[in-house]
Amino acid sequence: MNLIKNFKIPLIYGWSLIGGLFLVMFSWVSPVFADASKVPAFSAGNIAWVLASSALVLIMTPGLGFYYGGMVRRKNVLNTISLSFIAICTVSVIWILWGYSLAFGPDAFGGVIGSLKYVGLFAMKENQHSRYDGTIPSYVYVMFQLMFAIITVALVSGSLVERIKFSSWVVFTIVWLTIVYAPVAQAVWGLGGLFQKMGALDFAGGTVVHIDSGVAGLAGALVLGKRKGYMKENIVQPNQLGYTILGGALLWFGWFGFNAGSALEANPLATSAFLVTNTATAAAAIGWMIAEWIRSGKPTTLGMVSGAVAGLVAITPASGFVNPIASIVIGFVAGVICYSMVVFVKPKLGYDDALDAFNVHAVGGAWGALATGLFADPIINSAGKGLFYGNPGQMGVQLLTVACVAAYSFTMSYIIFKVIDKVMGLRVDKETEAIGLDITQHDEAGYNF
């Protein structure tokens, strides 16, 4: 009996000690479990959708190369396509080194530029949740936004083709991404960005992509000057409109990732953005076609595809906020406005915006941004409420954002072009321009006859 009694006492004390240790350990560990439960789980569907959308947006840049390349003279077709292709390469590297950190890193300076926390992505883990949507990894968001940066830089080339030095263009892509694109992206889209805090609505890039690039293109065209013989002879004889139509089709296809992917989730909002993107594009092609048909008596294939691109541009900022009927209005008006810019305003003012990057992207993007302030429907997206739904103040925010982005992009782009021109020369010489940039810049020919 004494043996049993002596054994029970230490046994009771032992279990009491174990129980106490367990309670202490639970008090330490339970907050960890509580915090972990607050972290959203990754969504395989959302990851797959945003990755697919990234690929769709990437195909837009080669599509842009073909779209632009078909409209230039035969002697410049390869050079024109290469301006888009090299943008993929330079921007892809700079984005990882410092571009993403400046555009989407934690805000460092007044909502207009990110910190250097994510330089080289060293501080980012592959399983880290994105600050912009917790159901996808940060790497997925980095990749998605990279594609936007690429196409934005490439768009600028449309104003500069047939006369810019290839080496100068390469330098421009690096500098402009850093000084112009990154701050605008941070201000409009970044968490805590200047215009983001004001409530600016830009679902997929009306200001960040289209106004930004289109205005930069105009600045470059003014610094470069007009092409030899511009407005004195019909120098723009498209070498292959089939390329342009193919490029336009690739842009239309890729744009679904551009707009619907900006929902960052496979959800009803992505579906709505997909639908209105297609609707506005079709309406804009019809608008441009009708305006051209009335003026010249015949509709052209170039006009129809140009109208479609104008519609894609205009619906971009509005795609996550407007209903299908509004998208028809936005698209149709965009087609008419951009056609009028190309046919009436551009010849009167005399600037050589070679392939109408300013006339279509800056003007179409501005119309789309303002139209978002008019038509944003809270039923489609509770984050946006436009003038026609009882919020007149939204128009003021949209106007301010458009004006500030345009002014910043033009001023800084003009300075960048001027500095590059001073340091290494921006424009090819007259003999090179006459021979063609395919042979003189790349030692190649687009066609062998």
Protein backbone atom coordinates (compact mmCIF):
# COMPACT_ATOMS: atom_id res chain seq x y z
CA MET A 1 0.00 0.00 0.00
CA ASN A 2 2.82 2.38 0.85
CA LEU A 3 4.42 1.61 -2.51
CA ILE A 4 1.22 2.47 -4.36
CA LYS A 5 0.74 5.61 -2.28
CA ASN A 6 4.32 6.69 -2.87
CA PHE A 7 3.87 6.15 -6.63
CA LYS A 8 0.56 8.07 -6.87
CA ILE A 9 1.91 11.26 -5.31
CA PRO A 10 4.68 11.87 -7.88
CA LEU A 11 2.29 10.79 -10.63
CA ILE A 12 -0.23 13.46 -9.61
CA TYR A 13 2.50 16.10 -9.38
CA GLY A 14 3.89 14.99 -12.75
CA TRP A 15 0.57 15.33 -14.56
CA SER A 16 -0.04 18.68 -12.88
CA LEU A 17 3.34 19.89 -14.14
CA ILE A 18 2.62 18.67 -17.68
CA GLY A 19 -0.79 20.33 -17.61
CA GLY A 20 0.73 23.61 -16.46
CA LEU A 21 3.35 23.51 -19.18
CA PHE A 22 0.64 22.84 -21.77
CA LEU A 23 -1.36 25.86 -20.60
CA VAL A 24 1.72 28.09 -20.81
CA MET A 25 2.58 26.80 -24.29
CA PHE A 26 -1.01 27.30 -25.48
CA SER A 27 -0.98 30.88 -24.24
CA TRP A 28 2.12 31.49 -26.39
CA VAL A 29 0.98 29.63 -29.48
CA SER A 30 -2.70 30.59 -29.60
CA PRO A 31 -2.05 34.17 -30.83
CA VAL A 32 -0.04 32.71 -33.70
CA PHE A 33 -2.96 30.51 -34.69
CA ALA A 34 -5.32 33.46 -34.31
CA ASP A 35 -3.17 35.66 -36.56
CA ALA A 36 -2.80 32.86 -39.10
CA SER A 37 -6.56 32.49 -39.29
CA LYS A 38 -6.82 36.13 -40.37
CA VAL A 39 -4.57 35.62 -43.42
CA PRO A 40 -6.73 34.81 -46.48
CA ALA A 41 -6.03 31.56 -48.23
CA PHE A 42 -4.58 31.60 -51.72
CA SER A 43 -7.21 31.00 -54.40
CA ALA A 44 -6.12 28.62 -57.16
CA GLY A 45 -8.81 30.06 -59.42
CA ASN A 46 -7.71 33.65 -58.89
CA ILE A 47 -4.04 32.77 -59.36
CA ALA A 48 -4.81 30.94 -62.61
CA TRP A 49 -6.94 33.82 -63.90
CA VAL A 50 -4.40 36.55 -63.16
CA LEU A 51 -1.54 34.48 -64.62
CA ALA A 52 -3.61 33.88 -67.76
CA SER A 53 -4.46 37.58 -67.90
CA SER A 54 -0.76 38.42 -67.63
CA ALA A 55 -0.08 36.28 -70.68
CA LEU A 56 -2.95 37.97 -72.53
CA VAL A 57 -1.53 41.41 -71.76
CA LEU A 58 1.95 40.33 -72.87
CA ILE A 59 0.68 39.31 -76.32
CA MET A 60 -0.62 42.88 -76.74
CA THR A 61 2.89 44.28 -77.14
CA PRO A 62 3.90 42.11 -80.14
CA GLY A 63 0.38 42.83 -81.39
CA LEU A 64 1.12 46.54 -81.05
CA GLY A 65 4.33 46.00 -83.02
CA PHE A 66 2.36 44.50 -85.91
CA TYR A 67 -0.36 47.15 -85.59
CA TYR A 68 2.22 49.93 -85.87
CA GLY A 69 4.49 48.05 -88.27
CA GLY A 70 1.85 47.63 -90.93
CA MET A 71 1.21 51.38 -91.15
CA VAL A 72 4.76 52.58 -91.82
CA ARG A 73 6.72 52.51 -95.07
CA ARG A 74 8.29 49.26 -96.20
CA LYS A 75 11.81 50.43 -95.37
CA ASN A 76 10.90 50.91 -91.68
CA VAL A 77 8.69 47.94 -90.85
CA LEU A 78 11.25 45.88 -88.90
CA ASN A 79 12.51 48.86 -86.96
CA THR A 80 8.98 49.79 -85.96
CA ILE A 81 8.20 46.28 -84.72
CA SER A 82 11.54 46.13 -82.90
CA LEU A 83 10.70 49.23 -80.84
CA SER A 84 7.87 47.27 -79.23
CA PHE A 85 9.87 44.06 -78.90
CA ILE A 86 12.87 45.66 -77.17
CA ALA A 87 10.51 47.36 -74.72
CA ILE A 88 9.51 43.90 -73.48
CA CYS A 89 13.16 43.15 -72.76
CA THR A 90 14.30 46.37 -71.09
CA VAL A 91 11.16 46.87 -69.01
CA SER A 92 11.14 43.23 -67.85
CA VAL A 93 14.59 43.62 -66.32
CA ILE A 94 14.18 47.13 -64.88
CA TRP A 95 10.81 46.19 -63.36
CA ILE A 96 12.47 43.50 -61.24
CA LEU A 97 15.48 45.63 -60.32
CA TRP A 98 13.64 48.75 -59.17
CA GLY A 99 10.55 49.53 -61.28
CA TYR A 100 8.02 47.54 -59.26
CA SER A 101 9.31 48.86 -55.97
CA LEU A 102 8.96 52.47 -57.12
CA ALA A 103 5.52 51.89 -58.63
CA PHE A 104 3.90 49.62 -56.03
CA GLY A 105 6.21 49.43 -53.03
CA PRO A 106 5.22 51.02 -49.71
CA ASP A 107 4.73 54.74 -50.17
CA ALA A 108 7.80 56.77 -49.31
CA PHE A 109 7.20 60.29 -50.60
CA GLY A 110 3.78 61.88 -50.48
CA GLY A 111 1.85 59.26 -52.42
CA VAL A 112 3.79 59.75 -55.65
CA ILE A 113 6.67 57.27 -55.45
CA GLY A 114 7.23 53.97 -53.68
CA SER A 115 10.17 53.11 -51.50
CA LEU A 116 13.08 50.85 -52.48
CA LYS A 117 11.94 48.06 -50.17
CA TYR A 118 11.41 45.62 -53.02
CA VAL A 119 14.51 46.38 -55.08
CA GLY A 120 15.49 43.16 -56.81
CA LEU A 121 12.49 41.55 -55.07
CA PHE A 122 14.94 40.34 -52.39
CA ALA A 123 12.48 41.23 -49.62
CA MET A 124 9.60 39.42 -51.32
CA LYS A 125 8.92 35.71 -50.87
CA GLU A 126 7.23 33.51 -53.44
CA ASN A 127 4.47 32.60 -50.95
CA GLN A 128 3.93 36.15 -49.72
CA HIS A 129 0.37 37.46 -50.05
CA SER A 130 -0.03 40.47 -52.34
CA ARG A 131 -0.80 43.79 -50.69
CA TYR A 132 -3.31 44.42 -53.48
CA ASP A 133 -5.27 41.16 -53.28
CA GLY A 134 -4.64 38.69 -50.50
CA THR A 135 -5.82 35.67 -52.51
CA ILE A 136 -2.87 35.83 -54.94
CA PRO A 137 0.90 35.75 -54.25
CA SER A 138 2.92 38.95 -54.63
CA TYR A 139 4.88 37.40 -57.51
CA VAL A 140 1.65 37.06 -59.50
CA TYR A 141 0.82 40.73 -58.99
CA VAL A 142 4.38 41.75 -59.90
CA MET A 143 4.07 39.82 -63.15
CA PHE A 144 0.63 41.21 -63.98
CA GLN A 145 1.70 44.81 -63.46
CA LEU A 146 4.91 44.21 -65.42
CA MET A 147 2.84 43.59 -68.53
CA PHE A 148 1.09 46.93 -68.10
CA ALA A 149 4.42 48.71 -67.79
CA ILE A 150 5.69 47.04 -70.97
CA ILE A 151 2.74 47.99 -73.16
CA THR A 152 2.70 51.55 -71.81
CA VAL A 153 6.32 52.16 -72.78
CA ALA A 154 5.82 50.54 -76.19
CA LEU A 155 2.79 52.74 -76.97
CA VAL A 156 4.97 55.86 -76.92
CA SER A 157 6.86 54.65 -79.99
CA GLY A 158 3.83 55.21 -82.22
CA SER A 159 4.53 58.94 -82.25
CA LEU A 160 8.25 58.56 -82.94
CA VAL A 161 8.61 55.93 -85.66
CA GLU A 162 10.58 56.36 -88.90
CA ARG A 163 13.03 58.85 -87.41
CA ILE A 164 14.16 57.93 -83.86
CA LYS A 165 17.54 56.26 -83.26
CA PHE A 166 17.19 52.74 -81.93
CA SER A 167 19.90 53.27 -79.30
CA SER A 168 18.17 56.42 -78.05
CA TRP A 169 14.88 54.55 -77.82
CA VAL A 170 16.47 51.84 -75.66
CA VAL A 171 17.78 54.47 -73.22
CA PHE A 172 14.41 56.22 -73.23
CA THR A 173 12.53 53.05 -72.21
CA ILE A 174 14.66 52.70 -69.08
CA VAL A 175 14.60 56.35 -68.03
CA TRP A 176 10.92 56.97 -68.80
CA LEU A 177 9.77 53.88 -66.92
CA THR A 178 11.66 55.08 -63.85
CA ILE A 179 10.87 58.79 -63.88
CA VAL A 180 7.40 58.95 -65.43
CA TYR A 181 5.56 55.64 -65.39
CA ALA A 182 6.45 54.51 -61.85
CA PRO A 183 5.33 57.73 -60.09
CA VAL A 184 2.06 57.88 -62.06
CA ALA A 185 1.29 54.23 -61.26
CA GLN A 186 1.99 54.84 -57.57
CA ALA A 187 -0.13 57.99 -57.47
CA VAL A 188 -3.18 56.48 -59.21
CA TRP A 189 -3.05 52.80 -58.25
CA GLY A 190 -0.69 52.49 -55.30
CA LEU A 191 -2.06 51.93 -51.81
CA GLY A 192 -1.91 55.40 -50.29
CA GLY A 193 -1.27 56.99 -53.69
CA LEU A 194 -2.08 60.67 -54.09
CA PHE A 195 -4.98 60.25 -56.53
CA GLN A 196 -5.98 56.89 -55.12
CA LYS A 197 -6.71 58.55 -51.77
CA MET A 198 -8.72 61.25 -53.57
CA GLY A 199 -10.95 58.55 -55.03
CA ALA A 200 -9.85 58.66 -58.66
CA LEU A 201 -11.41 55.86 -60.71
CA ASP A 202 -9.10 54.13 -63.18
CA PHE A 203 -9.88 50.45 -63.33
CA ALA A 204 -7.26 49.32 -65.84
CA GLY A 205 -5.18 52.29 -66.99
CA GLY A 206 -6.92 55.19 -68.73
CA THR A 207 -4.59 57.63 -66.99
CA VAL A 208 -1.71 55.37 -65.97
CA VAL A 209 -1.32 53.76 -69.39
CA HIS A 210 -3.01 55.74 -72.15
CA ILE A 211 -2.85 59.39 -71.15
CA ASP A 212 0.64 58.81 -69.76
CA SER A 213 1.99 57.24 -72.97
CA GLY A 214 0.01 59.32 -75.45
CA VAL A 215 1.11 62.64 -74.00
CA ALA A 216 4.72 61.39 -73.82
CA GLY A 217 4.45 60.50 -77.49
CA LEU A 218 3.38 64.04 -78.34
CA ALA A 219 6.33 65.45 -76.37
CA GLY A 220 8.69 63.17 -78.28
CA ALA A 221 7.19 64.08 -81.63
CA LEU A 222 7.70 67.78 -80.89
CA VAL A 223 11.33 67.27 -79.87
CA LEU A 224 12.09 65.04 -82.85
CA GLY A 225 10.39 67.26 -85.37
CA LYS A 226 8.47 66.20 -88.46
CA ARG A 227 9.50 63.46 -90.82
CA LYS A 228 11.12 64.53 -94.05
CA GLY A 229 8.41 65.76 -96.43
CA TYR A 230 5.64 65.57 -93.81
CA MET A 231 2.47 67.37 -94.96
CA LYS A 232 4.16 68.10 -98.31
CA GLU A 233 3.74 64.65 -99.77
CA ASN A 234 1.78 61.55 -98.87
CA ILE A 235 4.61 59.74 -97.14
CA VAL A 236 2.50 57.33 -95.13
CA GLN A 237 1.81 54.48 -97.52
CA PRO A 238 1.14 51.47 -95.29
CA ASN A 239 3.42 48.62 -96.30
CA GLN A 240 1.06 45.88 -95.15
CA LEU A 241 -2.40 46.62 -93.77
CA GLY A 242 -2.76 42.91 -93.08
CA TYR A 243 -0.16 43.35 -90.32
CA THR A 244 -2.18 46.22 -88.88
CA ILE A 245 -5.40 44.21 -88.86
CA LEU A 246 -3.59 41.24 -87.30
CA GLY A 247 -2.08 43.53 -84.68
CA GLY A 248 -5.44 45.09 -83.94
CA ALA A 249 -6.99 41.66 -83.49
CA LEU A 250 -4.22 40.65 -81.06
CA LEU A 251 -4.75 43.87 -79.13
CA TRP A 252 -8.49 43.18 -78.90
CA PHE A 253 -7.81 39.61 -77.74
CA GLY A 254 -5.17 40.61 -75.20
CA TRP A 255 -7.25 43.48 -73.87
CA PHE A 256 -9.59 41.05 -72.12
CA GLY A 257 -6.70 40.24 -69.81
CA PHE A 258 -5.90 43.94 -69.56
CA ASN A 259 -9.37 44.93 -68.33
CA ALA A 260 -11.05 41.82 -66.94
CA GLY A 261 -7.78 40.73 -65.33
CA SER A 262 -7.67 43.98 -63.40
CA ALA A 263 -10.39 42.61 -61.12
CA LEU A 264 -7.53 40.40 -59.80
CA GLU A 265 -10.07 37.68 -59.12
CA ALA A 266 -12.19 35.29 -61.17
CA ASN A 267 -15.42 36.92 -60.07
CA PRO A 268 -18.53 38.67 -61.44
CA LEU A 269 -16.67 42.00 -61.73
CA ALA A 270 -14.17 40.40 -64.10
CA THR A 271 -17.08 39.07 -66.15
CA SER A 272 -18.64 42.53 -66.35
CA ALA A 273 -15.35 44.12 -67.38
CA PHE A 274 -14.90 41.45 -70.07
CA LEU A 275 -18.38 42.11 -71.47
CA VAL A 276 -18.19 45.91 -71.62
CA THR A 277 -14.69 45.79 -73.11
CA ASN A 278 -15.95 43.84 -76.10
CA THR A 279 -19.09 45.97 -76.44
CA ALA A 280 -17.31 49.34 -76.34
CA THR A 281 -14.69 48.17 -78.84
CA ALA A 282 -17.31 47.12 -81.35
CA ALA A 283 -19.23 50.38 -80.87
CA ALA A 284 -16.09 52.47 -81.41
CA ALA A 285 -15.22 50.65 -84.64
CA ILE A 286 -18.73 51.40 -85.87
CA GLY A 287 -18.48 55.05 -84.77
CA TRP A 288 -15.18 55.60 -86.61
CA MET A 289 -16.51 53.76 -89.68
CA ILE A 290 -19.66 55.88 -89.88
CA ALA A 291 -17.73 59.15 -89.44
CA GLU A 292 -15.27 58.14 -92.16
CA TRP A 293 -18.01 56.88 -94.46
CA ILE A 294 -19.89 60.17 -94.20
CA ARG A 295 -16.77 62.26 -94.84
CA SER A 296 -14.98 60.29 -97.56
CA GLY A 297 -17.71 58.14 -99.03
CA LYS A 298 -16.03 54.81 -98.23
CA PRO A 299 -15.22 52.89 -95.04
CA THR A 300 -11.63 51.66 -94.79
CA THR A 301 -10.26 48.62 -93.00
CA LEU A 302 -7.62 50.86 -91.41
CA GLY A 303 -10.40 53.08 -90.08
CA MET A 304 -12.34 50.19 -88.60
CA VAL A 305 -9.35 48.70 -86.78
CA SER A 306 -8.26 52.17 -85.61
CA GLY A 307 -11.75 52.74 -84.24
CA ALA A 308 -11.61 49.42 -82.40
CA VAL A 309 -8.34 50.43 -80.73
CA ALA A 310 -9.89 53.78 -79.75
CA GLY A 311 -12.74 51.89 -78.10
CA LEU A 312 -10.35 49.62 -76.23
CA VAL A 313 -8.54 52.69 -74.94
CA ALA A 314 -11.68 54.53 -73.85
CA ILE A 315 -13.28 51.64 -72.01
CA THR A 316 -10.09 50.79 -70.11
CA PRO A 317 -10.60 53.12 -67.09
CA ALA A 318 -14.36 52.50 -67.05
CA SER A 319 -14.40 48.74 -67.59
CA GLY A 320 -14.86 47.82 -63.94
CA PHE A 321 -17.43 50.51 -63.22
CA VAL A 322 -19.96 50.85 -66.06
CA ASN A 323 -22.86 48.82 -67.42
CA PRO A 324 -23.17 47.54 -71.02
CA ILE A 325 -25.38 50.39 -72.28
CA ALA A 326 -22.91 52.99 -71.00
CA SER A 327 -20.09 51.09 -72.71
CA ILE A 328 -21.84 51.49 -76.07
CA VAL A 329 -21.98 55.26 -75.58
CA ILE A 330 -18.36 55.43 -74.40
CA GLY A 331 -17.13 53.38 -77.35
CA PHE A 332 -19.14 55.10 -80.07
CA VAL A 333 -18.16 58.59 -78.91
CA ALA A 334 -14.50 57.50 -78.66
CA GLY A 335 -14.56 56.38 -82.29
CA VAL A 336 -15.93 59.73 -83.48
CA ILE A 337 -13.65 61.86 -81.26
CA CYS A 338 -10.44 60.03 -82.17
CA TYR A 339 -11.32 60.06 -85.87
CA SER A 340 -11.86 63.82 -85.64
CA MET A 341 -8.48 64.27 -83.95
CA VAL A 342 -6.70 62.36 -86.71
CA VAL A 343 -8.52 63.93 -89.65
CA PHE A 344 -9.16 67.52 -88.54
CA VAL A 345 -7.06 68.57 -85.54
CA LYS A 346 -3.74 66.91 -86.35
CA PRO A 347 -3.38 68.38 -89.90
CA LYS A 348 -4.43 71.82 -88.68
CA LEU A 349 -1.91 71.94 -85.83
CA GLY A 350 0.79 70.24 -87.91
CA TYR A 351 2.43 68.01 -85.28
CA ASP A 352 3.81 64.73 -86.64
CA ASP A 353 2.27 62.15 -84.34
CA ALA A 354 3.23 59.45 -86.81
CA LEU A 355 0.85 56.64 -85.85
CA ASP A 356 -1.49 58.69 -83.66
CA ALA A 357 -0.41 57.58 -80.20
CA PHE A 358 -1.49 60.96 -78.87
CA ASN A 359 -4.64 61.29 -80.98
CA VAL A 360 -5.97 57.85 -80.03
CA HIS A 361 -4.42 56.96 -76.67
CA ALA A 362 -4.15 60.30 -74.88
CA VAL A 363 -7.42 61.69 -76.24
CA GLY A 364 -9.29 58.39 -76.03
CA GLY A 365 -7.90 57.76 -72.55
CA ALA A 366 -8.97 61.22 -71.38
CA TRP A 367 -12.49 60.70 -72.72
CA GLY A 368 -12.65 57.29 -71.04
CA ALA A 369 -11.48 58.69 -67.69
CA LEU A 370 -14.04 61.49 -67.80
CA ALA A 371 -16.77 59.13 -68.99
CA THR A 372 -16.03 56.96 -65.95
CA GLY A 373 -16.87 59.98 -63.81
CA LEU A 374 -20.17 60.22 -65.65
CA PHE A 375 -21.27 56.60 -65.95
CA ALA A 376 -19.75 54.78 -62.94
CA ASP A 377 -22.60 52.58 -61.70
CA PRO A 378 -22.55 51.53 -58.02
CA ILE A 379 -24.55 48.43 -58.92
CA ILE A 380 -21.63 47.23 -61.06
CA ASN A 381 -18.99 48.24 -58.53
CA SER A 382 -19.77 49.80 -55.16
CA ALA A 383 -16.35 51.51 -55.23
CA GLY A 384 -17.48 53.88 -58.00
CA LYS A 385 -20.41 56.28 -58.28
CA GLY A 386 -20.56 58.76 -61.14
CA LEU A 387 -22.35 62.01 -61.91
CA PHE A 388 -25.38 60.29 -63.44
CA TYR A 389 -25.81 58.27 -60.25
CA GLY A 390 -25.80 61.23 -57.87
CA ASN A 391 -22.10 61.96 -57.31
CA PRO A 392 -21.08 65.12 -59.23
CA GLY A 393 -17.89 65.40 -57.18
CA GLN A 394 -16.45 62.39 -59.01
CA MET A 395 -16.12 64.47 -62.18
CA GLY A 396 -13.93 66.96 -60.36
CA VAL A 397 -11.62 64.18 -59.16
CA GLN A 398 -11.43 62.70 -62.67
CA LEU A 399 -10.66 66.08 -64.25
CA LEU A 400 -7.93 66.82 -61.74
CA THR A 401 -6.33 63.41 -62.22
CA VAL A 402 -6.40 63.67 -66.02
CA ALA A 403 -4.93 67.18 -65.98
CA CYS A 404 -2.17 66.37 -63.48
CA VAL A 405 -1.10 63.13 -65.17
CA ALA A 406 -1.06 64.80 -68.59
CA ALA A 407 0.93 67.78 -67.35
CA TYR A 408 3.45 65.65 -65.47
CA SER A 409 3.94 63.19 -68.30
CA PHE A 410 4.36 65.89 -70.95
CA THR A 411 6.79 67.99 -68.90
CA MET A 412 9.00 65.13 -67.74
CA SER A 413 8.91 63.33 -71.09
CA TYR A 414 9.88 66.51 -72.94
CA ILE A 415 12.85 66.97 -70.58
CA ILE A 416 13.91 63.32 -70.99
CA PHE A 417 13.79 63.56 -74.79
CA LYS A 418 15.74 66.82 -74.72
CA VAL A 419 18.46 65.40 -72.46
CA ILE A 420 18.83 62.26 -74.58
CA ASP A 421 19.01 64.42 -77.69
CA LYS A 422 21.75 66.53 -76.09
CA VAL A 423 23.79 63.56 -74.84
CA MET A 424 23.56 61.04 -77.68
CA GLY A 425 21.29 62.43 -80.35
CA LEU A 426 17.63 61.49 -80.66
CA ARG A 427 17.01 61.51 -84.38
CA VAL A 428 18.73 59.74 -87.25
CA ASP A 429 20.37 61.92 -89.91
CA LYS A 430 18.66 62.81 -93.18
CA GLU A 431 20.53 60.20 -95.23
CA THR A 432 19.62 57.43 -92.77
CA GLU A 433 15.99 58.50 -92.79
CA ALA A 434 15.94 58.47 -96.59
CA ILE A 435 17.49 54.99 -96.84
CA GLY A 436 15.25 53.55 -94.12
CA LEU A 437 15.79 52.43 -90.55
CA ASP A 438 15.62 48.69 -91.22
CA ILE A 439 18.91 48.67 -93.13
CA THR A 440 20.66 51.51 -91.31
CA GLN A 441 19.73 50.53 -87.74
CA HIS A 442 19.56 46.73 -87.99
CA ASP A 443 21.23 45.73 -91.27
CA GLU A 444 18.07 43.86 -92.26
CA ALA A 445 15.17 44.23 -94.67
CA GLY A 446 11.55 43.51 -93.93
CA TYR A 447 10.95 42.19 -97.45
CA ASN A 448 13.25 40.49 -99.96
CA PHE A 449 12.10 40.92 -103.55
